[in-house]
Amino acid sequence: MAATRSKKTTSKTGSKAKPAEKAAGPDKKKATARKAAGGGAARKKAAPKDAQPKRPLKPTERIAPYQPKKGEEYMSDAQREHFRQLLLAWKRELMEEVDRTVHHMQDEASNFPDPNDRASQESEFSIELRTRDRERKLLRKIESTLKAVETSDYGYCESCGAEIGIRRLEARPTATLCIDCKTLDEIRERQKGK
């Protein structure tokens, strides 16, 4: 049995070669070395950053956050104008979404013979209409906020009369409560819900 093993591992020249070295010739060794170094066909090329299509900026993204000047009084004319422009851009954006939904529902409205297709379409429309309903309520809130900007009541808490703050208004332009009053209001809501 020992004699048969030695015959299998010997080459034509009669020298003994290791099975691993015999299987991995010089070309195989180079390919293994390239893979270990991160080269070769196994490495994927990253797509260039410029190749990805950029989506157009929304109107509210085009308006830079307001940077108050040193010594500037709170809710000056410049600040009120900034927030008025921000609210108008937000309103325009929401109105465009409403138009897009109307056109989408008119174009896609068809009576599918398959009940599953019909159910999918109705579910999609239902979700879209629910979203538009929330946006309709937000549009009403934007309208009332624009009136507050015009009457110089904008930027002050409805509950305590304190300044809401520029940064909070940048994050939520329709805010009517300062952060402290809003926190207390949320605590009350949670306690009533339990």
N, C-alpha and C. Protein backbone atom coordinates (compact mmCIF):
# COMPACT_ATOMS: atom_id res chain seq x y z
N MET A 1 0.81 -1.18 0.00
CA MET A 1 0.00 0.00 0.00
C MET A 1 0.86 1.26 0.00
N ALA A 2 1.97 1.22 0.71
CA ALA A 2 2.90 2.35 0.76
C ALA A 2 3.52 2.59 -0.60
N ALA A 3 3.75 1.53 -1.34
CA ALA A 3 4.36 1.66 -2.67
C ALA A 3 3.41 2.33 -3.65
N THR A 4 2.13 2.07 -3.52
CA THR A 4 1.17 2.70 -4.43
C THR A 4 1.02 4.18 -4.15
N ARG A 5 1.14 4.56 -2.90
CA ARG A 5 1.04 6.00 -2.58
C ARG A 5 2.20 6.77 -3.17
N SER A 6 3.38 6.26 -3.08
CA SER A 6 4.54 6.99 -3.59
C SER A 6 4.48 7.11 -5.10
N LYS A 7 3.90 6.16 -5.78
CA LYS A 7 3.76 6.24 -7.22
C LYS A 7 2.81 7.37 -7.62
N LYS A 8 1.77 7.57 -6.84
CA LYS A 8 0.79 8.61 -7.16
C LYS A 8 1.36 10.01 -6.99
N THR A 9 2.26 10.20 -6.03
CA THR A 9 2.78 11.53 -5.76
C THR A 9 4.02 11.85 -6.57
N THR A 10 4.58 10.93 -7.30
CA THR A 10 5.78 11.22 -8.09
C THR A 10 5.38 11.73 -9.45
N SER A 11 6.21 12.61 -9.98
CA SER A 11 5.96 13.13 -11.32
C SER A 11 6.71 12.30 -12.33
N LYS A 12 6.73 12.73 -13.59
CA LYS A 12 7.39 11.97 -14.66
C LYS A 12 8.90 11.93 -14.44
N THR A 13 9.42 12.95 -13.78
CA THR A 13 10.86 12.98 -13.55
C THR A 13 11.26 12.06 -12.41
N GLY A 14 10.32 11.59 -11.65
CA GLY A 14 10.59 10.67 -10.58
C GLY A 14 10.74 11.34 -9.23
N SER A 15 10.69 12.68 -9.16
CA SER A 15 10.82 13.35 -7.88
C SER A 15 9.45 13.45 -7.23
N LYS A 16 9.47 13.49 -5.94
CA LYS A 16 8.20 13.59 -5.21
C LYS A 16 7.78 15.05 -5.15
N ALA A 17 6.53 15.32 -5.47
CA ALA A 17 5.97 16.69 -5.40
C ALA A 17 4.78 16.67 -4.46
N LYS A 18 4.60 17.77 -3.75
CA LYS A 18 3.44 17.90 -2.87
C LYS A 18 2.20 18.10 -3.71
N PRO A 19 1.06 17.46 -3.33
CA PRO A 19 -0.15 17.59 -4.13
C PRO A 19 -0.62 19.04 -4.26
N ALA A 20 -0.47 19.86 -3.23
CA ALA A 20 -0.93 21.25 -3.29
C ALA A 20 -0.12 22.05 -4.27
N GLU A 21 1.20 21.84 -4.32
CA GLU A 21 2.05 22.58 -5.24
C GLU A 21 1.79 22.16 -6.68
N LYS A 22 1.52 20.86 -6.86
CA LYS A 22 1.25 20.37 -8.19
C LYS A 22 -0.02 20.99 -8.75
N ALA A 23 -1.07 21.08 -7.92
CA ALA A 23 -2.34 21.65 -8.37
C ALA A 23 -2.22 23.15 -8.61
N ALA A 24 -1.43 23.82 -7.78
CA ALA A 24 -1.29 25.27 -7.91
C ALA A 24 -0.01 25.57 -8.65
N GLY A 25 -0.11 25.70 -9.95
CA GLY A 25 1.04 26.01 -10.78
C GLY A 25 1.43 27.46 -10.61
N PRO A 26 2.40 27.95 -11.36
CA PRO A 26 2.88 29.33 -11.22
C PRO A 26 1.78 30.36 -11.52
N ASP A 27 0.91 30.07 -12.50
CA ASP A 27 -0.17 31.02 -12.82
C ASP A 27 -1.18 31.09 -11.69
N LYS A 28 -1.46 29.95 -11.09
CA LYS A 28 -2.43 29.89 -9.99
C LYS A 28 -1.90 30.66 -8.78
N LYS A 29 -0.59 30.56 -8.52
CA LYS A 29 0.02 31.27 -7.39
C LYS A 29 -0.09 32.78 -7.58
N LYS A 30 0.14 33.25 -8.80
CA LYS A 30 0.07 34.69 -9.08
C LYS A 30 -1.36 35.21 -8.90
N ALA A 31 -2.35 34.44 -9.34
CA ALA A 31 -3.74 34.85 -9.21
C ALA A 31 -4.14 34.91 -7.74
N THR A 32 -3.65 33.94 -6.94
CA THR A 32 -3.93 33.95 -5.51
C THR A 32 -3.28 35.15 -4.85
N ALA A 33 -2.07 35.48 -5.26
CA ALA A 33 -1.38 36.64 -4.68
C ALA A 33 -2.10 37.94 -5.04
N ARG A 34 -2.62 38.03 -6.29
CA ARG A 34 -3.36 39.24 -6.70
C ARG A 34 -4.64 39.41 -5.89
N LYS A 35 -5.34 38.29 -5.66
CA LYS A 35 -6.57 38.35 -4.88
C LYS A 35 -6.29 38.78 -3.46
N ALA A 36 -5.22 38.27 -2.88
CA ALA A 36 -4.86 38.64 -1.51
C ALA A 36 -4.50 40.11 -1.42
N ALA A 37 -3.90 40.66 -2.47
CA ALA A 37 -3.51 42.08 -2.48
C ALA A 37 -4.68 42.98 -2.82
N GLY A 38 -5.82 42.40 -3.20
CA GLY A 38 -7.00 43.20 -3.50
C GLY A 38 -7.14 43.51 -4.97
N GLY A 39 -6.36 42.91 -5.81
CA GLY A 39 -6.43 43.20 -7.24
C GLY A 39 -7.22 42.14 -7.96
N GLY A 40 -7.16 42.16 -9.27
CA GLY A 40 -7.80 41.14 -10.08
C GLY A 40 -9.25 41.43 -10.35
N ALA A 41 -9.92 40.43 -10.89
CA ALA A 41 -11.31 40.58 -11.30
C ALA A 41 -12.27 40.58 -10.12
N ALA A 42 -11.80 40.11 -8.95
CA ALA A 42 -12.69 40.04 -7.80
C ALA A 42 -13.03 41.42 -7.26
N ARG A 43 -12.16 42.40 -7.51
CA ARG A 43 -12.41 43.74 -7.00
C ARG A 43 -13.41 44.46 -7.90
N LYS A 44 -14.42 45.06 -7.27
CA LYS A 44 -15.44 45.79 -8.02
C LYS A 44 -15.05 47.25 -8.07
N LYS A 45 -15.29 47.86 -9.20
CA LYS A 45 -15.01 49.28 -9.34
C LYS A 45 -16.17 50.08 -8.77
N ALA A 46 -15.84 51.09 -7.98
CA ALA A 46 -16.88 51.96 -7.41
C ALA A 46 -17.36 52.92 -8.49
N ALA A 47 -18.65 53.15 -8.50
CA ALA A 47 -19.23 54.07 -9.47
C ALA A 47 -18.79 55.49 -9.12
N PRO A 48 -18.42 56.26 -10.11
CA PRO A 48 -18.02 57.64 -9.81
C PRO A 48 -19.19 58.42 -9.23
N LYS A 49 -18.84 59.36 -8.36
CA LYS A 49 -19.88 60.15 -7.68
C LYS A 49 -20.70 60.98 -8.66
N ASP A 50 -20.07 61.40 -9.74
CA ASP A 50 -20.78 62.23 -10.71
C ASP A 50 -21.78 61.43 -11.54
N ALA A 51 -21.63 60.09 -11.56
CA ALA A 51 -22.51 59.27 -12.39
C ALA A 51 -23.92 59.17 -11.81
N GLN A 52 -24.07 59.37 -10.50
CA GLN A 52 -25.38 59.28 -9.89
C GLN A 52 -26.18 60.54 -10.21
N PRO A 53 -27.41 60.36 -10.70
CA PRO A 53 -28.20 61.56 -11.05
C PRO A 53 -28.60 62.30 -9.78
N LYS A 54 -28.45 63.60 -9.83
CA LYS A 54 -28.82 64.44 -8.68
C LYS A 54 -30.26 64.87 -8.84
N ARG A 55 -31.03 64.77 -7.75
CA ARG A 55 -32.42 65.21 -7.80
C ARG A 55 -32.44 66.72 -7.61
N PRO A 56 -33.37 67.40 -8.24
CA PRO A 56 -33.44 68.86 -8.08
C PRO A 56 -33.83 69.21 -6.64
N LEU A 57 -33.29 70.31 -6.16
CA LEU A 57 -33.60 70.76 -4.80
C LEU A 57 -35.03 71.25 -4.71
N LYS A 58 -35.67 70.94 -3.61
CA LYS A 58 -37.02 71.43 -3.37
C LYS A 58 -36.92 72.91 -3.02
N PRO A 59 -38.01 73.66 -3.19
CA PRO A 59 -37.97 75.10 -2.89
C PRO A 59 -37.53 75.40 -1.46
N THR A 60 -37.96 74.57 -0.50
CA THR A 60 -37.57 74.84 0.89
C THR A 60 -36.10 74.52 1.13
N GLU A 61 -35.50 73.64 0.30
CA GLU A 61 -34.08 73.31 0.45
C GLU A 61 -33.20 74.41 -0.15
N ARG A 62 -33.76 75.20 -1.07
CA ARG A 62 -32.98 76.26 -1.71
C ARG A 62 -32.79 77.47 -0.79
N ILE A 63 -33.66 77.60 0.20
CA ILE A 63 -33.58 78.76 1.09
C ILE A 63 -32.62 78.42 2.23
N ALA A 64 -31.56 79.18 2.32
CA ALA A 64 -30.55 78.94 3.36
C ALA A 64 -31.10 79.35 4.72
N PRO A 65 -30.68 78.66 5.79
CA PRO A 65 -31.13 79.05 7.13
C PRO A 65 -30.72 80.49 7.45
N TYR A 66 -31.55 81.15 8.22
CA TYR A 66 -31.30 82.55 8.55
C TYR A 66 -30.15 82.65 9.55
N GLN A 67 -29.22 83.53 9.27
CA GLN A 67 -28.10 83.79 10.17
C GLN A 67 -28.31 85.17 10.79
N PRO A 68 -28.75 85.22 12.07
CA PRO A 68 -28.99 86.52 12.69
C PRO A 68 -27.69 87.31 12.83
N LYS A 69 -27.80 88.61 12.62
CA LYS A 69 -26.65 89.49 12.75
C LYS A 69 -26.46 89.86 14.22
N LYS A 70 -25.26 90.19 14.57
CA LYS A 70 -24.95 90.54 15.95
C LYS A 70 -25.73 91.79 16.36
N GLY A 71 -26.43 91.69 17.46
CA GLY A 71 -27.21 92.81 17.97
C GLY A 71 -28.56 93.00 17.30
N GLU A 72 -28.93 92.10 16.40
CA GLU A 72 -30.22 92.20 15.70
C GLU A 72 -31.35 91.81 16.65
N GLU A 73 -32.41 92.59 16.64
CA GLU A 73 -33.53 92.28 17.52
C GLU A 73 -34.31 91.09 16.97
N TYR A 74 -34.98 90.37 17.89
CA TYR A 74 -35.73 89.17 17.54
C TYR A 74 -36.95 89.54 16.70
N MET A 75 -37.19 88.80 15.67
CA MET A 75 -38.28 88.97 14.71
C MET A 75 -38.27 90.36 14.08
N SER A 76 -37.09 90.69 13.57
CA SER A 76 -36.97 91.94 12.80
C SER A 76 -37.66 91.74 11.45
N ASP A 77 -37.72 92.81 10.68
CA ASP A 77 -38.37 92.72 9.36
C ASP A 77 -37.67 91.69 8.47
N ALA A 78 -36.34 91.63 8.53
CA ALA A 78 -35.59 90.69 7.71
C ALA A 78 -35.91 89.24 8.11
N GLN A 79 -36.02 89.00 9.40
CA GLN A 79 -36.34 87.65 9.88
C GLN A 79 -37.76 87.26 9.48
N ARG A 80 -38.70 88.17 9.64
CA ARG A 80 -40.08 87.87 9.26
C ARG A 80 -40.18 87.60 7.76
N GLU A 81 -39.45 88.37 6.96
CA GLU A 81 -39.47 88.17 5.50
C GLU A 81 -38.86 86.81 5.14
N HIS A 82 -37.79 86.42 5.84
CA HIS A 82 -37.17 85.12 5.60
C HIS A 82 -38.18 83.99 5.85
N PHE A 83 -38.87 84.06 6.98
CA PHE A 83 -39.82 83.01 7.33
C PHE A 83 -41.06 83.05 6.42
N ARG A 84 -41.42 84.23 5.98
CA ARG A 84 -42.53 84.33 5.03
C ARG A 84 -42.17 83.63 3.73
N GLN A 85 -40.94 83.86 3.24
CA GLN A 85 -40.48 83.20 2.01
C GLN A 85 -40.39 81.68 2.21
N LEU A 86 -39.94 81.27 3.38
CA LEU A 86 -39.85 79.84 3.68
C LEU A 86 -41.23 79.18 3.68
N LEU A 87 -42.19 79.84 4.30
CA LEU A 87 -43.56 79.31 4.36
C LEU A 87 -44.20 79.28 2.97
N LEU A 88 -43.97 80.32 2.18
CA LEU A 88 -44.54 80.36 0.82
C LEU A 88 -43.94 79.25 -0.05
N ALA A 89 -42.63 79.01 0.09
CA ALA A 89 -41.99 77.94 -0.68
C ALA A 89 -42.55 76.58 -0.27
N TRP A 90 -42.77 76.40 1.02
CA TRP A 90 -43.32 75.14 1.54
C TRP A 90 -44.75 74.93 1.01
N LYS A 91 -45.51 76.02 0.99
CA LYS A 91 -46.89 75.95 0.50
C LYS A 91 -46.90 75.59 -0.99
N ARG A 92 -46.01 76.22 -1.76
CA ARG A 92 -45.91 75.93 -3.20
C ARG A 92 -45.56 74.46 -3.43
N GLU A 93 -44.63 73.96 -2.63
CA GLU A 93 -44.20 72.57 -2.72
C GLU A 93 -45.37 71.61 -2.47
N LEU A 94 -46.16 71.91 -1.45
CA LEU A 94 -47.31 71.06 -1.13
C LEU A 94 -48.37 71.13 -2.23
N MET A 95 -48.57 72.31 -2.78
CA MET A 95 -49.56 72.45 -3.86
C MET A 95 -49.13 71.67 -5.11
N GLU A 96 -47.83 71.65 -5.39
CA GLU A 96 -47.32 70.86 -6.51
C GLU A 96 -47.58 69.37 -6.29
N GLU A 97 -47.43 68.92 -5.04
CA GLU A 97 -47.71 67.52 -4.71
C GLU A 97 -49.19 67.20 -4.93
N VAL A 98 -50.07 68.13 -4.57
CA VAL A 98 -51.50 67.93 -4.78
C VAL A 98 -51.79 67.78 -6.26
N ASP A 99 -51.22 68.65 -7.08
CA ASP A 99 -51.42 68.57 -8.53
C ASP A 99 -50.89 67.26 -9.09
N ARG A 100 -49.72 66.85 -8.60
CA ARG A 100 -49.12 65.61 -9.07
C ARG A 100 -50.02 64.43 -8.74
N THR A 101 -50.61 64.44 -7.54
CA THR A 101 -51.51 63.35 -7.13
C THR A 101 -52.75 63.31 -8.00
N VAL A 102 -53.33 64.46 -8.27
CA VAL A 102 -54.54 64.50 -9.11
C VAL A 102 -54.25 63.92 -10.48
N HIS A 103 -53.13 64.35 -11.08
CA HIS A 103 -52.77 63.84 -12.41
C HIS A 103 -52.47 62.34 -12.37
N HIS A 104 -51.79 61.91 -11.32
CA HIS A 104 -51.45 60.49 -11.20
C HIS A 104 -52.72 59.64 -11.08
N MET A 105 -53.67 60.10 -10.28
CA MET A 105 -54.90 59.33 -10.09
C MET A 105 -55.75 59.32 -11.35
N GLN A 106 -55.74 60.41 -12.12
CA GLN A 106 -56.49 60.44 -13.37
C GLN A 106 -55.85 59.54 -14.41
N ASP A 107 -54.52 59.56 -14.48
CA ASP A 107 -53.81 58.77 -15.49
C ASP A 107 -53.85 57.28 -15.17
N GLU A 108 -53.72 56.94 -13.91
CA GLU A 108 -53.62 55.54 -13.51
C GLU A 108 -54.98 54.89 -13.23
N ALA A 109 -56.03 55.66 -13.21
CA ALA A 109 -57.35 55.10 -12.88
C ALA A 109 -57.82 54.21 -14.02
N SER A 110 -57.86 52.93 -13.73
CA SER A 110 -58.38 51.98 -14.71
C SER A 110 -59.04 50.83 -13.96
N ASN A 111 -59.94 50.18 -14.61
CA ASN A 111 -60.67 49.09 -14.00
C ASN A 111 -59.99 47.78 -14.37
N PHE A 112 -59.13 47.30 -13.47
CA PHE A 112 -58.41 46.07 -13.73
C PHE A 112 -59.35 44.87 -13.59
N PRO A 113 -59.25 43.90 -14.50
CA PRO A 113 -60.10 42.71 -14.38
C PRO A 113 -59.66 41.81 -13.23
N ASP A 114 -58.39 41.86 -12.88
CA ASP A 114 -57.89 41.02 -11.80
C ASP A 114 -58.18 41.69 -10.45
N PRO A 115 -58.84 41.00 -9.53
CA PRO A 115 -59.17 41.61 -8.23
C PRO A 115 -57.94 42.01 -7.43
N ASN A 116 -56.84 41.27 -7.57
CA ASN A 116 -55.61 41.63 -6.85
C ASN A 116 -55.04 42.95 -7.35
N ASP A 117 -55.05 43.15 -8.65
CA ASP A 117 -54.56 44.40 -9.22
C ASP A 117 -55.44 45.57 -8.78
N ARG A 118 -56.74 45.35 -8.79
CA ARG A 118 -57.68 46.39 -8.35
C ARG A 118 -57.43 46.75 -6.89
N ALA A 119 -57.24 45.74 -6.06
CA ALA A 119 -57.02 45.97 -4.63
C ALA A 119 -55.71 46.73 -4.40
N SER A 120 -54.68 46.38 -5.16
CA SER A 120 -53.39 47.08 -5.03
C SER A 120 -53.53 48.55 -5.40
N GLN A 121 -54.26 48.81 -6.49
CA GLN A 121 -54.44 50.19 -6.94
C GLN A 121 -55.26 50.98 -5.91
N GLU A 122 -56.31 50.38 -5.39
CA GLU A 122 -57.13 51.08 -4.39
C GLU A 122 -56.34 51.35 -3.12
N SER A 123 -55.51 50.41 -2.73
CA SER A 123 -54.67 50.60 -1.55
C SER A 123 -53.68 51.74 -1.76
N GLU A 124 -53.07 51.79 -2.94
CA GLU A 124 -52.13 52.86 -3.28
C GLU A 124 -52.83 54.21 -3.27
N PHE A 125 -54.01 54.28 -3.87
CA PHE A 125 -54.76 55.53 -3.89
C PHE A 125 -55.17 55.95 -2.49
N SER A 126 -55.56 54.98 -1.67
CA SER A 126 -55.97 55.29 -0.30
C SER A 126 -54.82 55.90 0.51
N ILE A 127 -53.65 55.33 0.36
CA ILE A 127 -52.47 55.86 1.08
C ILE A 127 -52.15 57.27 0.58
N GLU A 128 -52.23 57.45 -0.73
CA GLU A 128 -51.92 58.76 -1.30
C GLU A 128 -52.94 59.81 -0.85
N LEU A 129 -54.21 59.43 -0.80
CA LEU A 129 -55.24 60.38 -0.36
C LEU A 129 -55.09 60.71 1.13
N ARG A 130 -54.69 59.74 1.92
CA ARG A 130 -54.48 60.00 3.35
C ARG A 130 -53.32 60.99 3.54
N THR A 131 -52.27 60.81 2.74
CA THR A 131 -51.13 61.73 2.79
C THR A 131 -51.56 63.13 2.38
N ARG A 132 -52.36 63.23 1.31
CA ARG A 132 -52.83 64.55 0.86
C ARG A 132 -53.73 65.20 1.90
N ASP A 133 -54.50 64.40 2.64
CA ASP A 133 -55.36 64.95 3.68
C ASP A 133 -54.51 65.57 4.79
N ARG A 134 -53.44 64.90 5.17
CA ARG A 134 -52.53 65.45 6.18
C ARG A 134 -51.90 66.74 5.66
N GLU A 135 -51.53 66.75 4.38
CA GLU A 135 -50.93 67.94 3.80
C GLU A 135 -51.94 69.08 3.70
N ARG A 136 -53.22 68.74 3.49
CA ARG A 136 -54.27 69.77 3.45
C ARG A 136 -54.37 70.47 4.80
N LYS A 137 -54.30 69.69 5.88
CA LYS A 137 -54.32 70.28 7.22
C LYS A 137 -53.08 71.14 7.45
N LEU A 138 -51.95 70.67 6.94
CA LEU A 138 -50.72 71.44 7.07
C LEU A 138 -50.81 72.74 6.28
N LEU A 139 -51.46 72.71 5.11
CA LEU A 139 -51.64 73.93 4.33
C LEU A 139 -52.46 74.97 5.10
N ARG A 140 -53.50 74.50 5.81
CA ARG A 140 -54.29 75.42 6.63
C ARG A 140 -53.44 76.05 7.73
N LYS A 141 -52.56 75.23 8.32
CA LYS A 141 -51.68 75.74 9.37
C LYS A 141 -50.68 76.74 8.80
N ILE A 142 -50.19 76.49 7.60
CA ILE A 142 -49.27 77.42 6.95
C ILE A 142 -49.97 78.74 6.68
N GLU A 143 -51.23 78.67 6.22
CA GLU A 143 -52.00 79.90 5.97
C GLU A 143 -52.15 80.73 7.24
N SER A 144 -52.49 80.07 8.35
CA SER A 144 -52.65 80.82 9.61
C SER A 144 -51.31 81.38 10.09
N THR A 145 -50.23 80.65 9.83
CA THR A 145 -48.90 81.14 10.21
C THR A 145 -48.51 82.34 9.37
N LEU A 146 -48.86 82.32 8.07
CA LEU A 146 -48.57 83.48 7.22
C LEU A 146 -49.32 84.73 7.70
N LYS A 147 -50.56 84.52 8.18
CA LYS A 147 -51.31 85.66 8.75
C LYS A 147 -50.62 86.19 10.00
N ALA A 148 -50.07 85.29 10.82
CA ALA A 148 -49.35 85.71 12.03
C ALA A 148 -48.09 86.48 11.67
N VAL A 149 -47.43 86.09 10.58
CA VAL A 149 -46.23 86.81 10.12
C VAL A 149 -46.61 88.23 9.73
N GLU A 150 -47.75 88.38 9.03
CA GLU A 150 -48.19 89.70 8.59
C GLU A 150 -48.58 90.59 9.77
N THR A 151 -49.15 90.02 10.83
CA THR A 151 -49.60 90.83 11.98
C THR A 151 -48.52 90.96 13.06
N SER A 152 -47.29 90.50 12.78
CA SER A 152 -46.15 90.57 13.71
C SER A 152 -46.36 89.75 14.99
N ASP A 153 -47.24 88.77 14.97
CA ASP A 153 -47.41 87.87 16.11
C ASP A 153 -46.53 86.63 15.98
N TYR A 154 -45.87 86.50 14.86
CA TYR A 154 -45.08 85.30 14.58
C TYR A 154 -43.81 85.26 15.41
N GLY A 155 -43.48 84.05 15.88
CA GLY A 155 -42.22 83.87 16.60
C GLY A 155 -42.34 83.90 18.10
N TYR A 156 -43.55 84.13 18.61
CA TYR A 156 -43.77 84.19 20.06
C TYR A 156 -44.74 83.09 20.48
N CYS A 157 -44.47 82.51 21.64
CA CYS A 157 -45.27 81.40 22.14
C CYS A 157 -46.70 81.86 22.43
N GLU A 158 -47.68 81.08 21.99
CA GLU A 158 -49.08 81.40 22.25
C GLU A 158 -49.46 81.19 23.71
N SER A 159 -48.73 80.35 24.40
CA SER A 159 -49.05 80.02 25.78
C SER A 159 -48.42 81.00 26.78
N CYS A 160 -47.11 81.22 26.67
CA CYS A 160 -46.43 82.05 27.67
C CYS A 160 -45.91 83.37 27.11
N GLY A 161 -45.91 83.53 25.80
CA GLY A 161 -45.48 84.79 25.19
C GLY A 161 -43.98 84.92 25.01
N ALA A 162 -43.21 83.88 25.37
CA ALA A 162 -41.75 83.92 25.21
C ALA A 162 -41.37 83.73 23.74
N GLU A 163 -40.12 84.07 23.43
CA GLU A 163 -39.62 83.89 22.07
C GLU A 163 -39.48 82.39 21.78
N ILE A 164 -39.95 81.98 20.62
CA ILE A 164 -39.84 80.56 20.23
C ILE A 164 -38.39 80.24 19.86
N GLY A 165 -37.74 81.13 19.18
CA GLY A 165 -36.34 80.93 18.80
C GLY A 165 -36.20 80.68 17.31
N ILE A 166 -35.14 81.26 16.73
CA ILE A 166 -34.89 81.17 15.29
C ILE A 166 -34.65 79.71 14.87
N ARG A 167 -33.82 78.99 15.63
CA ARG A 167 -33.48 77.60 15.25
C ARG A 167 -34.71 76.70 15.27
N ARG A 168 -35.56 76.87 16.26
CA ARG A 168 -36.79 76.05 16.33
C ARG A 168 -37.71 76.39 15.16
N LEU A 169 -37.80 77.66 14.82
CA LEU A 169 -38.65 78.07 13.70
C LEU A 169 -38.08 77.60 12.35
N GLU A 170 -36.76 77.49 12.26
CA GLU A 170 -36.15 76.95 11.05
C GLU A 170 -36.54 75.48 10.90
N ALA A 171 -36.54 74.75 12.01
CA ALA A 171 -36.88 73.33 11.97
C ALA A 171 -38.37 73.12 11.72
N ARG A 172 -39.20 73.94 12.35
CA ARG A 172 -40.66 73.82 12.21
C ARG A 172 -41.24 75.23 12.10
N PRO A 173 -41.35 75.77 10.87
CA PRO A 173 -41.81 77.15 10.70
C PRO A 173 -43.22 77.41 11.22
N THR A 174 -44.04 76.37 11.39
CA THR A 174 -45.41 76.57 11.86
C THR A 174 -45.54 76.42 13.37
N ALA A 175 -44.41 76.37 14.08
CA ALA A 175 -44.45 76.19 15.54
C ALA A 175 -45.15 77.38 16.19
N THR A 176 -46.02 77.08 17.16
CA THR A 176 -46.74 78.14 17.87
C THR A 176 -46.40 78.14 19.36
N LEU A 177 -45.68 77.13 19.82
CA LEU A 177 -45.30 77.04 21.24
C LEU A 177 -43.79 76.99 21.37
N CYS A 178 -43.28 77.59 22.45
CA CYS A 178 -41.85 77.48 22.73
C CYS A 178 -41.55 76.03 23.14
N ILE A 179 -40.29 75.68 23.22
CA ILE A 179 -39.92 74.30 23.49
C ILE A 179 -40.41 73.84 24.87
N ASP A 180 -40.38 74.73 25.87
CA ASP A 180 -40.83 74.35 27.22
C ASP A 180 -42.34 74.08 27.25
N CYS A 181 -43.11 74.97 26.67
CA CYS A 181 -44.57 74.78 26.64
C CYS A 181 -44.95 73.56 25.82
N LYS A 182 -44.24 73.31 24.71
CA LYS A 182 -44.52 72.15 23.88
C LYS A 182 -44.22 70.86 24.64
N THR A 183 -43.13 70.85 25.41
CA THR A 183 -42.78 69.68 26.21
C THR A 183 -43.86 69.39 27.24
N LEU A 184 -44.31 70.44 27.93
CA LEU A 184 -45.39 70.26 28.92
C LEU A 184 -46.68 69.78 28.26
N ASP A 185 -46.97 70.31 27.08
CA ASP A 185 -48.16 69.91 26.34
C ASP A 185 -48.10 68.42 25.97
N GLU A 186 -46.93 67.96 25.54
CA GLU A 186 -46.77 66.55 25.18
C GLU A 186 -46.89 65.65 26.40
N ILE A 187 -46.39 66.10 27.54
CA ILE A 187 -46.50 65.31 28.78
C ILE A 187 -47.97 65.17 29.16
N ARG A 188 -48.72 66.28 29.05
CA ARG A 188 -50.16 66.22 29.36
C ARG A 188 -50.89 65.26 28.42
N GLU A 189 -50.54 65.30 27.14
CA GLU A 189 -51.18 64.40 26.16
C GLU A 189 -50.90 62.94 26.51
N ARG A 190 -49.65 62.64 26.90
CA ARG A 190 -49.30 61.26 27.25
C ARG A 190 -50.06 60.80 28.49
N GLN A 191 -50.24 61.71 29.45
CA GLN A 191 -50.93 61.33 30.68
C GLN A 191 -52.42 61.08 30.40
N LYS A 192 -53.01 61.86 29.52
CA LYS A 192 -54.42 61.66 29.16
C LYS A 192 -54.61 60.37 28.38
N GLY A 193 -53.63 60.00 27.59
CA GLY A 193 -53.72 58.81 26.74
C GLY A 193 -53.64 57.52 27.54
N LYS A 194 -53.04 57.55 28.73
CA LYS A 194 -52.88 56.32 29.51
C LYS A 194 -54.10 55.93 30.27
